[in-house]
Amino acid sequence: MRSHQQIITDANGPSAVARIVGAEAGTAKQWRRNDSIPAAYWAAMADAGLATLEELAVAAASKREAA
């Protein structure tokens, strides 16, 4: 599974993700730096076909386990 960082990169970067989910570009850049997409944006990411809800959840769980 991809990390949140990789999902953002694969979606053509933070600026593209920000436009799609209605966030600020700087906010999405911070998500990539932190390798963490807030759950409030997961539905928009899934609706846009950028990732599945399962993939986003697994990536979040993997990050927590590594910490």
PDB file of N, CA and C in Angstrom:
ATOM      1  N   MET A   1       0.837  -1.197   0.000  1.00  0.00           N
ATOM      2  CA  MET A   1       0.000   0.000   0.000  1.00  0.00           C
ATOM      3  C   MET A   1       0.877   1.255   0.000  1.00  0.00           C
ATOM      4  N   ARG A   2       0.312   2.304  -0.558  1.00  0.00           N
ATOM      5  CA  ARG A   2       1.039   3.579  -0.617  1.00  0.00           C
ATOM      6  C   ARG A   2       0.869   4.352   0.692  1.00  0.00           C
ATOM      7  N   SER A   3       1.847   5.164   0.985  1.00  0.00           N
ATOM      8  CA  SER A   3       1.758   6.076   2.118  1.00  0.00           C
ATOM      9  C   SER A   3       0.929   7.292   1.698  1.00  0.00           C
ATOM     10  N   HIS A   4       0.526   8.087   2.652  1.00  0.00           N
ATOM     11  CA  HIS A   4      -0.188   9.324   2.320  1.00  0.00           C
ATOM     12  C   HIS A   4       0.707  10.211   1.458  1.00  0.00           C
ATOM     13  N   GLN A   5       1.983  10.244   1.778  1.00  0.00           N
ATOM     14  CA  GLN A   5       2.939  11.028   0.998  1.00  0.00           C
ATOM     15  C   GLN A   5       2.941  10.565  -0.462  1.00  0.00           C
ATOM     16  N   GLN A   6       2.961   9.269  -0.681  1.00  0.00           N
ATOM     17  CA  GLN A   6       2.986   8.730  -2.034  1.00  0.00           C
ATOM     18  C   GLN A   6       1.660   8.980  -2.759  1.00  0.00           C
ATOM     19  N   ILE A   7       0.561   8.905  -2.047  1.00  0.00           N
ATOM     20  CA  ILE A   7      -0.752   9.187  -2.645  1.00  0.00           C
ATOM     21  C   ILE A   7      -0.781  10.619  -3.171  1.00  0.00           C
ATOM     22  N   ILE A   8      -0.291  11.557  -2.379  1.00  0.00           N
ATOM     23  CA  ILE A   8      -0.250  12.961  -2.798  1.00  0.00           C
ATOM     24  C   ILE A   8       0.664  13.135  -4.002  1.00  0.00           C
ATOM     25  N   THR A   9       1.817  12.519  -3.973  1.00  0.00           N
ATOM     26  CA  THR A   9       2.750  12.606  -5.093  1.00  0.00           C
ATOM     27  C   THR A   9       2.138  12.019  -6.356  1.00  0.00           C
ATOM     28  N   ASP A  10       1.502  10.866  -6.237  1.00  0.00           N
ATOM     29  CA  ASP A  10       0.880  10.207  -7.387  1.00  0.00           C
ATOM     30  C   ASP A  10      -0.287  11.010  -7.962  1.00  0.00           C
ATOM     31  N   ALA A  11      -0.879  11.873  -7.159  1.00  0.00           N
ATOM     32  CA  ALA A  11      -2.010  12.702  -7.597  1.00  0.00           C
ATOM     33  C   ALA A  11      -1.530  14.020  -8.208  1.00  0.00           C
ATOM     34  N   ASN A  12      -0.281  14.055  -8.633  1.00  0.00           N
ATOM     35  CA  ASN A  12       0.330  15.248  -9.249  1.00  0.00           C
ATOM     36  C   ASN A  12       0.669  16.334  -8.246  1.00  0.00           C
ATOM     37  N   GLY A  13       0.862  15.948  -6.996  1.00  0.00           N
ATOM     38  CA  GLY A  13       1.372  16.869  -5.994  1.00  0.00           C
ATOM     39  C   GLY A  13       0.321  17.566  -5.159  1.00  0.00           C
ATOM     40  N   PRO A  14       0.811  18.296  -4.165  1.00  0.00           N
ATOM     41  CA  PRO A  14      -0.076  18.940  -3.207  1.00  0.00           C
ATOM     42  C   PRO A  14      -1.011  19.982  -3.809  1.00  0.00           C
ATOM     43  N   SER A  15      -0.560  20.712  -4.800  1.00  0.00           N
ATOM     44  CA  SER A  15      -1.432  21.736  -5.391  1.00  0.00           C
ATOM     45  C   SER A  15      -2.644  21.097  -6.052  1.00  0.00           C
ATOM     46  N   ALA A  16      -2.420  19.997  -6.767  1.00  0.00           N
ATOM     47  CA  ALA A  16      -3.535  19.291  -7.408  1.00  0.00           C
ATOM     48  C   ALA A  16      -4.479  18.715  -6.361  1.00  0.00           C
ATOM     49  N   VAL A  17      -3.925  18.112  -5.317  1.00  0.00           N
ATOM     50  CA  VAL A  17      -4.752  17.545  -4.250  1.00  0.00           C
ATOM     51  C   VAL A  17      -5.576  18.647  -3.583  1.00  0.00           C
ATOM     52  N   ALA A  18      -4.938  19.777  -3.317  1.00  0.00           N
ATOM     53  CA  ALA A  18      -5.639  20.889  -2.667  1.00  0.00           C
ATOM     54  C   ALA A  18      -6.830  21.349  -3.498  1.00  0.00           C
ATOM     55  N   ARG A  19      -6.639  21.489  -4.800  1.00  0.00           N
ATOM     56  CA  ARG A  19      -7.750  21.902  -5.675  1.00  0.00           C
ATOM     57  C   ARG A  19      -8.888  20.890  -5.623  1.00  0.00           C
ATOM     58  N   ILE A  20      -8.544  19.621  -5.637  1.00  0.00           N
ATOM     59  CA  ILE A  20      -9.547  18.566  -5.681  1.00  0.00           C
ATOM     60  C   ILE A  20     -10.372  18.496  -4.393  1.00  0.00           C
ATOM     61  N   VAL A  21      -9.695  18.642  -3.253  1.00  0.00           N
ATOM     62  CA  VAL A  21     -10.402  18.458  -1.971  1.00  0.00           C
ATOM     63  C   VAL A  21     -10.837  19.772  -1.328  1.00  0.00           C
ATOM     64  N   GLY A  22     -10.497  20.903  -1.926  1.00  0.00           N
ATOM     65  CA  GLY A  22     -10.922  22.193  -1.392  1.00  0.00           C
ATOM     66  C   GLY A  22     -10.092  22.689  -0.229  1.00  0.00           C
ATOM     67  N   ALA A  23      -8.815  22.364  -0.250  1.00  0.00           N
ATOM     68  CA  ALA A  23      -7.896  22.825   0.800  1.00  0.00           C
ATOM     69  C   ALA A  23      -6.907  23.830   0.197  1.00  0.00           C
ATOM     70  N   GLU A  24      -6.177  24.495   1.044  1.00  0.00           N
ATOM     71  CA  GLU A  24      -5.120  25.398   0.586  1.00  0.00           C
ATOM     72  C   GLU A  24      -3.917  24.575   0.138  1.00  0.00           C
ATOM     73  N   ALA A  25      -3.190  25.061  -0.867  1.00  0.00           N
ATOM     74  CA  ALA A  25      -2.019  24.338  -1.376  1.00  0.00           C
ATOM     75  C   ALA A  25      -0.977  24.142  -0.270  1.00  0.00           C
ATOM     76  N   GLY A  26      -0.770  25.157   0.553  1.00  0.00           N
ATOM     77  CA  GLY A  26       0.194  25.053   1.646  1.00  0.00           C
ATOM     78  C   GLY A  26      -0.209  23.991   2.661  1.00  0.00           C
ATOM     79  N   THR A  27      -1.491  23.838   2.846  1.00  0.00           N
ATOM     80  CA  THR A  27      -1.999  22.811   3.760  1.00  0.00           C
ATOM     81  C   THR A  27      -1.682  21.428   3.219  1.00  0.00           C
ATOM     82  N   ALA A  28      -1.929  21.222   1.934  1.00  0.00           N
ATOM     83  CA  ALA A  28      -1.638  19.919   1.321  1.00  0.00           C
ATOM     84  C   ALA A  28      -0.132  19.644   1.290  1.00  0.00           C
ATOM     85  N   LYS A  29       0.671  20.677   1.160  1.00  0.00           N
ATOM     86  CA  LYS A  29       2.136  20.497   1.226  1.00  0.00           C
ATOM     87  C   LYS A  29       2.529  19.994   2.607  1.00  0.00           C
ATOM     88  N   GLN A  30       1.894  20.530   3.621  1.00  0.00           N
ATOM     89  CA  GLN A  30       2.175  20.087   4.985  1.00  0.00           C
ATOM     90  C   GLN A  30       1.752  18.635   5.174  1.00  0.00           C
ATOM     91  N   TRP A  31       0.635  18.247   4.583  1.00  0.00           N
ATOM     92  CA  TRP A  31       0.213  16.845   4.656  1.00  0.00           C
ATOM     93  C   TRP A  31       1.289  15.942   4.083  1.00  0.00           C
ATOM     94  N   ARG A  32       1.856  16.350   2.935  1.00  0.00           N
ATOM     95  CA  ARG A  32       2.893  15.527   2.307  1.00  0.00           C
ATOM     96  C   ARG A  32       4.128  15.463   3.200  1.00  0.00           C
ATOM     97  N   ARG A  33       4.531  16.607   3.738  1.00  0.00           N
ATOM     98  CA  ARG A  33       5.704  16.629   4.637  1.00  0.00           C
ATOM     99  C   ARG A  33       5.481  15.733   5.853  1.00  0.00           C
ATOM    100  N   ASN A  34       4.276  15.772   6.404  1.00  0.00           N
ATOM    101  CA  ASN A  34       3.964  14.992   7.603  1.00  0.00           C
ATOM    102  C   ASN A  34       3.540  13.558   7.290  1.00  0.00           C
ATOM    103  N   ASP A  35       3.370  13.246   6.007  1.00  0.00           N
ATOM    104  CA  ASP A  35       2.884  11.934   5.571  1.00  0.00           C
ATOM    105  C   ASP A  35       1.564  11.608   6.267  1.00  0.00           C
ATOM    106  N   SER A  36       0.655  12.603   6.247  1.00  0.00           N
ATOM    107  CA  SER A  36      -0.614  12.437   6.962  1.00  0.00           C
ATOM    108  C   SER A  36      -1.702  13.299   6.332  1.00  0.00           C
ATOM    109  N   ILE A  37      -2.724  12.641   5.798  1.00  0.00           N
ATOM    110  CA  ILE A  37      -3.888  13.334   5.252  1.00  0.00           C
ATOM    111  C   ILE A  37      -4.998  13.233   6.298  1.00  0.00           C
ATOM    112  N   PRO A  38      -5.554  14.361   6.753  1.00  0.00           N
ATOM    113  CA  PRO A  38      -6.620  14.311   7.753  1.00  0.00           C
ATOM    114  C   PRO A  38      -7.828  13.513   7.246  1.00  0.00           C
ATOM    115  N   ALA A  39      -8.418  12.748   8.129  1.00  0.00           N
ATOM    116  CA  ALA A  39      -9.556  11.896   7.780  1.00  0.00           C
ATOM    117  C   ALA A  39     -10.726  12.690   7.204  1.00  0.00           C
ATOM    118  N   ALA A  40     -10.847  13.941   7.563  1.00  0.00           N
ATOM    119  CA  ALA A  40     -11.938  14.768   7.046  1.00  0.00           C
ATOM    120  C   ALA A  40     -11.879  14.924   5.522  1.00  0.00           C
ATOM    121  N   TYR A  41     -10.731  14.675   4.927  1.00  0.00           N
ATOM    122  CA  TYR A  41     -10.554  14.821   3.481  1.00  0.00           C
ATOM    123  C   TYR A  41     -10.558  13.484   2.746  1.00  0.00           C
ATOM    124  N   TRP A  42     -10.635  12.383   3.467  1.00  0.00           N
ATOM    125  CA  TRP A  42     -10.559  11.068   2.834  1.00  0.00           C
ATOM    126  C   TRP A  42     -11.687  10.835   1.849  1.00  0.00           C
ATOM    127  N   ALA A  43     -12.903  11.220   2.166  1.00  0.00           N
ATOM    128  CA  ALA A  43     -14.028  10.990   1.260  1.00  0.00           C
ATOM    129  C   ALA A  43     -13.808  11.722  -0.065  1.00  0.00           C
ATOM    130  N   ALA A  44     -13.335  12.947  -0.001  1.00  0.00           N
ATOM    131  CA  ALA A  44     -13.064  13.709  -1.223  1.00  0.00           C
ATOM    132  C   ALA A  44     -11.957  13.053  -2.036  1.00  0.00           C
ATOM    133  N   MET A  45     -10.953  12.548  -1.358  1.00  0.00           N
ATOM    134  CA  MET A  45      -9.852  11.847  -2.049  1.00  0.00           C
ATOM    135  C   MET A  45     -10.393  10.597  -2.736  1.00  0.00           C
ATOM    136  N   ALA A  46     -11.228   9.845  -2.042  1.00  0.00           N
ATOM    137  CA  ALA A  46     -11.792   8.615  -2.613  1.00  0.00           C
ATOM    138  C   ALA A  46     -12.753   8.944  -3.754  1.00  0.00           C
ATOM    139  N   ASP A  47     -13.589   9.958  -3.574  1.00  0.00           N
ATOM    140  CA  ASP A  47     -14.536  10.356  -4.617  1.00  0.00           C
ATOM    141  C   ASP A  47     -13.823  10.776  -5.902  1.00  0.00           C
ATOM    142  N   ALA A  48     -12.637  11.363  -5.748  1.00  0.00           N
ATOM    143  CA  ALA A  48     -11.853  11.808  -6.904  1.00  0.00           C
ATOM    144  C   ALA A  48     -11.028  10.676  -7.510  1.00  0.00           C
ATOM    145  N   GLY A  49     -11.054   9.519  -6.874  1.00  0.00           N
ATOM    146  CA  GLY A  49     -10.304   8.380  -7.388  1.00  0.00           C
ATOM    147  C   GLY A  49      -8.813   8.434  -7.111  1.00  0.00           C
ATOM    148  N   LEU A  50      -8.420   9.251  -6.140  1.00  0.00           N
ATOM    149  CA  LEU A  50      -6.993   9.373  -5.812  1.00  0.00           C
ATOM    150  C   LEU A  50      -6.511   8.230  -4.937  1.00  0.00           C
ATOM    151  N   ALA A  51      -7.402   7.671  -4.146  1.00  0.00           N
ATOM    152  CA  ALA A  51      -7.084   6.550  -3.250  1.00  0.00           C
ATOM    153  C   ALA A  51      -8.404   5.991  -2.740  1.00  0.00           C
ATOM    154  N   THR A  52      -8.367   4.768  -2.274  1.00  0.00           N
ATOM    155  CA  THR A  52      -9.562   4.202  -1.653  1.00  0.00           C
ATOM    156  C   THR A  52      -9.558   4.565  -0.173  1.00  0.00           C
ATOM    157  N   LEU A  53     -10.725   4.498   0.440  1.00  0.00           N
ATOM    158  CA  LEU A  53     -10.799   4.743   1.884  1.00  0.00           C
ATOM    159  C   LEU A  53      -9.950   3.725   2.631  1.00  0.00           C
ATOM    160  N   GLU A  54      -9.967   2.485   2.171  1.00  0.00           N
ATOM    161  CA  GLU A  54      -9.154   1.449   2.808  1.00  0.00           C
ATOM    162  C   GLU A  54      -7.672   1.784   2.725  1.00  0.00           C
ATOM    163  N   GLU A  55      -7.225   2.221   1.559  1.00  0.00           N
ATOM    164  CA  GLU A  55      -5.814   2.567   1.391  1.00  0.00           C
ATOM    165  C   GLU A  55      -5.411   3.714   2.315  1.00  0.00           C
ATOM    166  N   LEU A  56      -6.260   4.716   2.423  1.00  0.00           N
ATOM    167  CA  LEU A  56      -5.969   5.849   3.306  1.00  0.00           C
ATOM    168  C   LEU A  56      -5.908   5.401   4.763  1.00  0.00           C
ATOM    169  N   ALA A  57      -6.836   4.525   5.161  1.00  0.00           N
ATOM    170  CA  ALA A  57      -6.867   4.032   6.540  1.00  0.00           C
ATOM    171  C   ALA A  57      -5.649   3.167   6.854  1.00  0.00           C
ATOM    172  N   VAL A  58      -5.270   2.305   5.924  1.00  0.00           N
ATOM    173  CA  VAL A  58      -4.102   1.443   6.141  1.00  0.00           C
ATOM    174  C   VAL A  58      -2.833   2.296   6.252  1.00  0.00           C
ATOM    175  N   ALA A  59      -2.721   3.303   5.410  1.00  0.00           N
ATOM    176  CA  ALA A  59      -1.546   4.182   5.467  1.00  0.00           C
ATOM    177  C   ALA A  59      -1.484   4.918   6.806  1.00  0.00           C
ATOM    178  N   ALA A  60      -2.636   5.373   7.299  1.00  0.00           N
ATOM    179  CA  ALA A  60      -2.668   6.064   8.587  1.00  0.00           C
ATOM    180  C   ALA A  60      -2.310   5.115   9.715  1.00  0.00           C
ATOM    181  N   ALA A  61      -2.828   3.911   9.661  1.00  0.00           N
ATOM    182  CA  ALA A  61      -2.535   2.909  10.714  1.00  0.00           C
ATOM    183  C   ALA A  61      -1.057   2.519  10.684  1.00  0.00           C
ATOM    184  N   SER A  62      -0.505   2.380   9.503  1.00  0.00           N
ATOM    185  CA  SER A  62       0.903   2.003   9.379  1.00  0.00           C
ATOM    186  C   SER A  62       1.803   3.073   9.978  1.00  0.00           C
ATOM    187  N   LYS A  63       1.439   4.320   9.765  1.00  0.00           N
ATOM    188  CA  LYS A  63       2.239   5.430  10.309  1.00  0.00           C
ATOM    189  C   LYS A  63       2.181   5.431  11.834  1.00  0.00           C
ATOM    190  N   ARG A  64       0.993   5.160  12.390  1.00  0.00           N
ATOM    191  CA  ARG A  64       0.847   5.117  13.849  1.00  0.00           C
ATOM    192  C   ARG A  64       1.650   3.976  14.440  1.00  0.00           C
ATOM    193  N   GLU A  65       1.648   2.829  13.772  1.00  0.00           N
ATOM    194  CA  GLU A  65       2.393   1.678  14.264  1.00  0.00           C
ATOM    195  C   GLU A  65       3.902   1.917  14.247  1.00  0.00           C
ATOM    196  N   ALA A  66       4.361   2.697  13.261  1.00  0.00           N
ATOM    197  CA  ALA A  66       5.786   2.980  13.140  1.00  0.00           C
ATOM    198  C   ALA A  66       6.259   3.982  14.187  1.00  0.00           C
ATOM    199  N   ALA A  67       5.346   4.758  14.720  1.00  0.00           N
ATOM    200  CA  ALA A  67       5.717   5.803  15.679  1.00  0.00           C
ATOM    201  C   ALA A  67       6.024   5.259  17.054  1.00  0.00           C
TER     202      ALA A  67
END
